[in-house]
Amino acid sequence: MRRIIKIAPMHKLIKRAGAARVSEESAIALSEILEEVGLKVAKEAIDFARHAGRKTVKARDIKIAAEKMLEKVLGR
């Protein structure tokens, strides 16, 4: 599968989190994970939009889907 999220921003993100150095493998891994999570959130958001009778996915759909996913992961 073709990568959607580029690697360079992953290096910057990991450094912003406090890393002194970032390996290429870690940047690639983060990119893959964020794409996977992003797709799951987007699919859930599409369901919310459809349920509301809309074809357009709005920011609130994404936010609700992300919160729902985090609740599952964090057990809240």
PDB file of N, CA and C in Angstrom:
ATOM      1  N   MET A   1       0.846  -1.185   0.000  1.00  0.00           N
ATOM      2  CA  MET A   1       0.000   0.000   0.000  1.00  0.00           C
ATOM      3  C   MET A   1       0.889   1.246   0.000  1.00  0.00           C
ATOM      4  N   ARG A   2       0.496   2.211  -0.770  1.00  0.00           N
ATOM      5  CA  ARG A   2       1.247   3.462  -0.870  1.00  0.00           C
ATOM      6  C   ARG A   2       1.055   4.290   0.395  1.00  0.00           C
ATOM      7  N   ARG A   3       2.145   4.820   0.901  1.00  0.00           N
ATOM      8  CA  ARG A   3       2.111   5.607   2.130  1.00  0.00           C
ATOM      9  C   ARG A   3       1.462   6.967   1.862  1.00  0.00           C
ATOM     10  N   ILE A   4       0.519   7.336   2.715  1.00  0.00           N
ATOM     11  CA  ILE A   4      -0.154   8.631   2.608  1.00  0.00           C
ATOM     12  C   ILE A   4       0.570   9.664   3.465  1.00  0.00           C
ATOM     13  N   ILE A   5       0.898   9.274   4.685  1.00  0.00           N
ATOM     14  CA  ILE A   5       1.577  10.179   5.611  1.00  0.00           C
ATOM     15  C   ILE A   5       3.078  10.073   5.379  1.00  0.00           C
ATOM     16  N   LYS A   6       3.697  11.176   5.070  1.00  0.00           N
ATOM     17  CA  LYS A   6       5.130  11.209   4.777  1.00  0.00           C
ATOM     18  C   LYS A   6       5.960  10.999   6.045  1.00  0.00           C
ATOM     19  N   ILE A   7       7.197  10.576   5.845  1.00  0.00           N
ATOM     20  CA  ILE A   7       8.083  10.222   6.954  1.00  0.00           C
ATOM     21  C   ILE A   7       8.691  11.451   7.633  1.00  0.00           C
ATOM     22  N   ALA A   8       9.065  12.465   6.870  1.00  0.00           N
ATOM     23  CA  ALA A   8       9.728  13.645   7.454  1.00  0.00           C
ATOM     24  C   ALA A   8       8.915  14.278   8.590  1.00  0.00           C
ATOM     25  N   PRO A   9       7.603  14.453   8.422  1.00  0.00           N
ATOM     26  CA  PRO A   9       6.836  15.010   9.543  1.00  0.00           C
ATOM     27  C   PRO A   9       6.835  14.107  10.781  1.00  0.00           C
ATOM     28  N   MET A  10       7.015  12.803  10.572  1.00  0.00           N
ATOM     29  CA  MET A  10       7.062  11.885  11.710  1.00  0.00           C
ATOM     30  C   MET A  10       8.339  12.112  12.518  1.00  0.00           C
ATOM     31  N   HIS A  11       9.444  12.368  11.815  1.00  0.00           N
ATOM     32  CA  HIS A  11      10.695  12.713  12.502  1.00  0.00           C
ATOM     33  C   HIS A  11      10.468  13.953  13.371  1.00  0.00           C
ATOM     34  N   LYS A  12       9.842  14.963  12.792  1.00  0.00           N
ATOM     35  CA  LYS A  12       9.596  16.218  13.517  1.00  0.00           C
ATOM     36  C   LYS A  12       8.673  15.995  14.710  1.00  0.00           C
ATOM     37  N   LEU A  13       7.660  15.175  14.517  1.00  0.00           N
ATOM     38  CA  LEU A  13       6.708  14.905  15.595  1.00  0.00           C
ATOM     39  C   LEU A  13       7.382  14.197  16.766  1.00  0.00           C
ATOM     40  N   ILE A  14       8.192  13.207  16.460  1.00  0.00           N
ATOM     41  CA  ILE A  14       8.889  12.467  17.517  1.00  0.00           C
ATOM     42  C   ILE A  14       9.881  13.383  18.231  1.00  0.00           C
ATOM     43  N   LYS A  15      10.565  14.236  17.470  1.00  0.00           N
ATOM     44  CA  LYS A  15      11.495  15.189  18.093  1.00  0.00           C
ATOM     45  C   LYS A  15      10.737  16.187  18.964  1.00  0.00           C
ATOM     46  N   ARG A  16       9.593  16.643  18.479  1.00  0.00           N
ATOM     47  CA  ARG A  16       8.785  17.583  19.265  1.00  0.00           C
ATOM     48  C   ARG A  16       8.343  16.945  20.582  1.00  0.00           C
ATOM     49  N   ALA A  17       8.182  15.626  20.566  1.00  0.00           N
ATOM     50  CA  ALA A  17       7.800  14.900  21.782  1.00  0.00           C
ATOM     51  C   ALA A  17       8.963  14.784  22.761  1.00  0.00           C
ATOM     52  N   GLY A  18      10.178  15.133  22.292  1.00  0.00           N
ATOM     53  CA  GLY A  18      11.306  15.166  23.212  1.00  0.00           C
ATOM     54  C   GLY A  18      12.488  14.285  22.864  1.00  0.00           C
ATOM     55  N   ALA A  19      12.422  13.560  21.757  1.00  0.00           N
ATOM     56  CA  ALA A  19      13.537  12.682  21.390  1.00  0.00           C
ATOM     57  C   ALA A  19      14.722  13.501  20.887  1.00  0.00           C
ATOM     58  N   ALA A  20      15.907  13.119  21.320  1.00  0.00           N
ATOM     59  CA  ALA A  20      17.118  13.782  20.839  1.00  0.00           C
ATOM     60  C   ALA A  20      17.444  13.322  19.416  1.00  0.00           C
ATOM     61  N   ARG A  21      17.228  12.034  19.161  1.00  0.00           N
ATOM     62  CA  ARG A  21      17.488  11.466  17.842  1.00  0.00           C
ATOM     63  C   ARG A  21      16.335  10.547  17.475  1.00  0.00           C
ATOM     64  N   VAL A  22      16.102  10.425  16.173  1.00  0.00           N
ATOM     65  CA  VAL A  22      14.981   9.620  15.688  1.00  0.00           C
ATOM     66  C   VAL A  22      15.472   8.708  14.569  1.00  0.00           C
ATOM     67  N   SER A  23      15.250   7.418  14.721  1.00  0.00           N
ATOM     68  CA  SER A  23      15.644   6.488  13.660  1.00  0.00           C
ATOM     69  C   SER A  23      14.614   6.512  12.538  1.00  0.00           C
ATOM     70  N   GLU A  24      15.062   6.168  11.363  1.00  0.00           N
ATOM     71  CA  GLU A  24      14.167   6.091  10.207  1.00  0.00           C
ATOM     72  C   GLU A  24      13.066   5.061  10.462  1.00  0.00           C
ATOM     73  N   GLU A  25      13.444   3.952  11.091  1.00  0.00           N
ATOM     74  CA  GLU A  25      12.471   2.889  11.369  1.00  0.00           C
ATOM     75  C   GLU A  25      11.367   3.366  12.302  1.00  0.00           C
ATOM     76  N   SER A  26      11.722   4.182  13.289  1.00  0.00           N
ATOM     77  CA  SER A  26      10.695   4.673  14.215  1.00  0.00           C
ATOM     78  C   SER A  26       9.754   5.645  13.510  1.00  0.00           C
ATOM     79  N   ALA A  27      10.287   6.470  12.630  1.00  0.00           N
ATOM     80  CA  ALA A  27       9.445   7.405  11.878  1.00  0.00           C
ATOM     81  C   ALA A  27       8.503   6.645  10.947  1.00  0.00           C
ATOM     82  N   ILE A  28       9.007   5.599  10.318  1.00  0.00           N
ATOM     83  CA  ILE A  28       8.171   4.777   9.439  1.00  0.00           C
ATOM     84  C   ILE A  28       7.086   4.079  10.255  1.00  0.00           C
ATOM     85  N   ALA A  29       7.463   3.529  11.403  1.00  0.00           N
ATOM     86  CA  ALA A  29       6.494   2.832  12.253  1.00  0.00           C
ATOM     87  C   ALA A  29       5.383   3.777  12.697  1.00  0.00           C
ATOM     88  N   LEU A  30       5.747   4.986  13.111  1.00  0.00           N
ATOM     89  CA  LEU A  30       4.735   5.952  13.538  1.00  0.00           C
ATOM     90  C   LEU A  30       3.819   6.314  12.373  1.00  0.00           C
ATOM     91  N   SER A  31       4.393   6.493  11.207  1.00  0.00           N
ATOM     92  CA  SER A  31       3.602   6.811  10.019  1.00  0.00           C
ATOM     93  C   SER A  31       2.581   5.710   9.735  1.00  0.00           C
ATOM     94  N   GLU A  32       3.025   4.468   9.790  1.00  0.00           N
ATOM     95  CA  GLU A  32       2.129   3.336   9.523  1.00  0.00           C
ATOM     96  C   GLU A  32       1.012   3.256  10.555  1.00  0.00           C
ATOM     97  N   ILE A  33       1.368   3.446  11.818  1.00  0.00           N
ATOM     98  CA  ILE A  33       0.371   3.372  12.891  1.00  0.00           C
ATOM     99  C   ILE A  33      -0.640   4.504  12.767  1.00  0.00           C
ATOM    100  N   LEU A  34      -0.156   5.719  12.513  1.00  0.00           N
ATOM    101  CA  LEU A  34      -1.073   6.853  12.393  1.00  0.00           C
ATOM    102  C   LEU A  34      -1.999   6.705  11.191  1.00  0.00           C
ATOM    103  N   GLU A  35      -1.493   6.139  10.106  1.00  0.00           N
ATOM    104  CA  GLU A  35      -2.359   5.889   8.947  1.00  0.00           C
ATOM    105  C   GLU A  35      -3.444   4.879   9.290  1.00  0.00           C
ATOM    106  N   GLU A  36      -3.055   3.821   9.968  1.00  0.00           N
ATOM    107  CA  GLU A  36      -4.020   2.784  10.342  1.00  0.00           C
ATOM    108  C   GLU A  36      -5.098   3.349  11.269  1.00  0.00           C
ATOM    109  N   VAL A  37      -4.669   4.083  12.269  1.00  0.00           N
ATOM    110  CA  VAL A  37      -5.615   4.688  13.211  1.00  0.00           C
ATOM    111  C   VAL A  37      -6.476   5.727  12.492  1.00  0.00           C
ATOM    112  N   GLY A  38      -5.850   6.530  11.650  1.00  0.00           N
ATOM    113  CA  GLY A  38      -6.584   7.549  10.907  1.00  0.00           C
ATOM    114  C   GLY A  38      -7.669   6.964  10.019  1.00  0.00           C
ATOM    115  N   LEU A  39      -7.363   5.856   9.367  1.00  0.00           N
ATOM    116  CA  LEU A  39      -8.367   5.203   8.528  1.00  0.00           C
ATOM    117  C   LEU A  39      -9.539   4.684   9.355  1.00  0.00           C
ATOM    118  N   LYS A  40      -9.239   4.127  10.514  1.00  0.00           N
ATOM    119  CA  LYS A  40     -10.311   3.631  11.384  1.00  0.00           C
ATOM    120  C   LYS A  40     -11.189   4.777  11.873  1.00  0.00           C
ATOM    121  N   VAL A  41     -10.570   5.874  12.260  1.00  0.00           N
ATOM    122  CA  VAL A  41     -11.329   7.047  12.707  1.00  0.00           C
ATOM    123  C   VAL A  41     -12.175   7.582  11.550  1.00  0.00           C
ATOM    124  N   ALA A  42     -11.591   7.669  10.371  1.00  0.00           N
ATOM    125  CA  ALA A  42     -12.318   8.187   9.212  1.00  0.00           C
ATOM    126  C   ALA A  42     -13.521   7.311   8.874  1.00  0.00           C
ATOM    127  N   LYS A  43     -13.344   5.997   8.918  1.00  0.00           N
ATOM    128  CA  LYS A  43     -14.458   5.089   8.619  1.00  0.00           C
ATOM    129  C   LYS A  43     -15.584   5.251   9.632  1.00  0.00           C
ATOM    130  N   GLU A  44     -15.213   5.389  10.887  1.00  0.00           N
ATOM    131  CA  GLU A  44     -16.220   5.600  11.936  1.00  0.00           C
ATOM    132  C   GLU A  44     -16.928   6.943  11.720  1.00  0.00           C
ATOM    133  N   ALA A  45     -16.174   7.962  11.355  1.00  0.00           N
ATOM    134  CA  ALA A  45     -16.752   9.285  11.109  1.00  0.00           C
ATOM    135  C   ALA A  45     -17.715   9.253   9.923  1.00  0.00           C
ATOM    136  N   ILE A  46     -17.383   8.475   8.914  1.00  0.00           N
ATOM    137  CA  ILE A  46     -18.283   8.325   7.761  1.00  0.00           C
ATOM    138  C   ILE A  46     -19.606   7.724   8.215  1.00  0.00           C
ATOM    139  N   ASP A  47     -19.534   6.741   9.097  1.00  0.00           N
ATOM    140  CA  ASP A  47     -20.764   6.141   9.635  1.00  0.00           C
ATOM    141  C   ASP A  47     -21.600   7.174  10.383  1.00  0.00           C
ATOM    142  N   PHE A  48     -20.948   8.028  11.175  1.00  0.00           N
ATOM    143  CA  PHE A  48     -21.677   9.070  11.908  1.00  0.00           C
ATOM    144  C   PHE A  48     -22.355  10.035  10.939  1.00  0.00           C
ATOM    145  N   ALA A  49     -21.641  10.428   9.896  1.00  0.00           N
ATOM    146  CA  ALA A  49     -22.208  11.350   8.913  1.00  0.00           C
ATOM    147  C   ALA A  49     -23.409  10.714   8.213  1.00  0.00           C
ATOM    148  N   ARG A  50     -23.272   9.466   7.816  1.00  0.00           N
ATOM    149  CA  ARG A  50     -24.383   8.770   7.149  1.00  0.00           C
ATOM    150  C   ARG A  50     -25.584   8.641   8.080  1.00  0.00           C
ATOM    151  N   HIS A  51     -25.304   8.316   9.337  1.00  0.00           N
ATOM    152  CA  HIS A  51     -26.384   8.187  10.318  1.00  0.00           C
ATOM    153  C   HIS A  51     -27.134   9.512  10.470  1.00  0.00           C
ATOM    154  N   ALA A  52     -26.415  10.614  10.327  1.00  0.00           N
ATOM    155  CA  ALA A  52     -27.030  11.943  10.430  1.00  0.00           C
ATOM    156  C   ALA A  52     -27.668  12.374   9.109  1.00  0.00           C
ATOM    157  N   GLY A  53     -27.612  11.500   8.101  1.00  0.00           N
ATOM    158  CA  GLY A  53     -28.222  11.812   6.816  1.00  0.00           C
ATOM    159  C   GLY A  53     -27.373  12.712   5.939  1.00  0.00           C
ATOM    160  N   ARG A  54     -26.072  12.736   6.200  1.00  0.00           N
ATOM    161  CA  ARG A  54     -25.168  13.587   5.422  1.00  0.00           C
ATOM    162  C   ARG A  54     -24.198  12.746   4.613  1.00  0.00           C
ATOM    163  N   LYS A  55     -23.750  13.309   3.492  1.00  0.00           N
ATOM    164  CA  LYS A  55     -22.673  12.707   2.714  1.00  0.00           C
ATOM    165  C   LYS A  55     -21.332  13.314   3.114  1.00  0.00           C
ATOM    166  N   THR A  56     -21.393  14.497   3.692  1.00  0.00           N
ATOM    167  CA  THR A  56     -20.185  15.228   4.069  1.00  0.00           C
ATOM    168  C   THR A  56     -19.755  14.864   5.481  1.00  0.00           C
ATOM    169  N   VAL A  57     -18.498  14.477   5.619  1.00  0.00           N
ATOM    170  CA  VAL A  57     -17.925  14.217   6.938  1.00  0.00           C
ATOM    171  C   VAL A  57     -17.451  15.553   7.494  1.00  0.00           C
ATOM    172  N   LYS A  58     -17.908  15.869   8.680  1.00  0.00           N
ATOM    173  CA  LYS A  58     -17.554  17.143   9.306  1.00  0.00           C
ATOM    174  C   LYS A  58     -16.553  16.917  10.430  1.00  0.00           C
ATOM    175  N   ALA A  59     -15.958  18.009  10.863  1.00  0.00           N
ATOM    176  CA  ALA A  59     -14.953  17.936  11.930  1.00  0.00           C
ATOM    177  C   ALA A  59     -15.522  17.267  13.173  1.00  0.00           C
ATOM    178  N   ARG A  60     -16.765  17.558  13.487  1.00  0.00           N
ATOM    179  CA  ARG A  60     -17.358  16.962  14.691  1.00  0.00           C
ATOM    180  C   ARG A  60     -17.476  15.445  14.567  1.00  0.00           C
ATOM    181  N   ASP A  61     -17.690  14.938  13.345  1.00  0.00           N
ATOM    182  CA  ASP A  61     -17.736  13.488  13.134  1.00  0.00           C
ATOM    183  C   ASP A  61     -16.373  12.866  13.444  1.00  0.00           C
ATOM    184  N   ILE A  62     -15.330  13.520  12.966  1.00  0.00           N
ATOM    185  CA  ILE A  62     -13.966  13.038  13.212  1.00  0.00           C
ATOM    186  C   ILE A  62     -13.668  13.065  14.708  1.00  0.00           C
ATOM    187  N   LYS A  63     -14.020  14.167  15.366  1.00  0.00           N
ATOM    188  CA  LYS A  63     -13.743  14.301  16.797  1.00  0.00           C
ATOM    189  C   LYS A  63     -14.490  13.252  17.612  1.00  0.00           C
ATOM    190  N   ILE A  64     -15.746  13.026  17.284  1.00  0.00           N
ATOM    191  CA  ILE A  64     -16.534  12.023  18.005  1.00  0.00           C
ATOM    192  C   ILE A  64     -15.951  10.629  17.775  1.00  0.00           C
ATOM    193  N   ALA A  65     -15.600  10.336  16.530  1.00  0.00           N
ATOM    194  CA  ALA A  65     -15.027   9.023  16.210  1.00  0.00           C
ATOM    195  C   ALA A  65     -13.702   8.816  16.932  1.00  0.00           C
ATOM    196  N   ALA A  66     -12.874   9.848  16.977  1.00  0.00           N
ATOM    197  CA  ALA A  66     -11.578   9.743  17.659  1.00  0.00           C
ATOM    198  C   ALA A  66     -11.779   9.550  19.158  1.00  0.00           C
ATOM    199  N   GLU A  67     -12.708  10.294  19.738  1.00  0.00           N
ATOM    200  CA  GLU A  67     -12.990  10.146  21.170  1.00  0.00           C
ATOM    201  C   GLU A  67     -13.499   8.744  21.477  1.00  0.00           C
ATOM    202  N   LYS A  68     -14.371   8.234  20.617  1.00  0.00           N
ATOM    203  CA  LYS A  68     -14.908   6.888  20.805  1.00  0.00           C
ATOM    204  C   LYS A  68     -13.788   5.849  20.750  1.00  0.00           C
ATOM    205  N   MET A  69     -12.873   6.017  19.804  1.00  0.00           N
ATOM    206  CA  MET A  69     -11.761   5.081  19.676  1.00  0.00           C
ATOM    207  C   MET A  69     -10.843   5.164  20.900  1.00  0.00           C
ATOM    208  N   LEU A  70     -10.575   6.375  21.361  1.00  0.00           N
ATOM    209  CA  LEU A  70      -9.724   6.537  22.542  1.00  0.00           C
ATOM    210  C   LEU A  70     -10.371   5.930  23.784  1.00  0.00           C
ATOM    211  N   GLU A  71     -11.679   6.053  23.888  1.00  0.00           N
ATOM    212  CA  GLU A  71     -12.383   5.439  25.017  1.00  0.00           C
ATOM    213  C   GLU A  71     -12.191   3.927  25.010  1.00  0.00           C
ATOM    214  N   LYS A  72     -12.254   3.328  23.819  1.00  0.00           N
ATOM    215  CA  LYS A  72     -12.047   1.880  23.702  1.00  0.00           C
ATOM    216  C   LYS A  72     -10.632   1.503  24.115  1.00  0.00           C
ATOM    217  N   VAL A  73      -9.670   2.278  23.645  1.00  0.00           N
ATOM    218  CA  VAL A  73      -8.263   1.973  23.910  1.00  0.00           C
ATOM    219  C   VAL A  73      -7.915   2.204  25.376  1.00  0.00           C
ATOM    220  N   LEU A  74      -8.394   3.320  25.925  1.00  0.00           N
ATOM    221  CA  LEU A  74      -8.040   3.681  27.295  1.00  0.00           C
ATOM    222  C   LEU A  74      -8.995   3.102  28.328  1.00  0.00           C
ATOM    223  N   GLY A  75     -10.089   2.515  27.871  1.00  0.00           N
ATOM    224  CA  GLY A  75     -11.036   1.889  28.785  1.00  0.00           C
ATOM    225  C   GLY A  75     -11.800   2.873  29.642  1.00  0.00           C
ATOM    226  N   ARG A  76     -12.086   4.024  29.091  1.00  0.00           N
ATOM    227  CA  ARG A  76     -12.828   5.041  29.860  1.00  0.00           C
ATOM    228  C   ARG A  76     -14.305   4.872  29.692  1.00  0.00           C
TER     229      ARG A  76
END
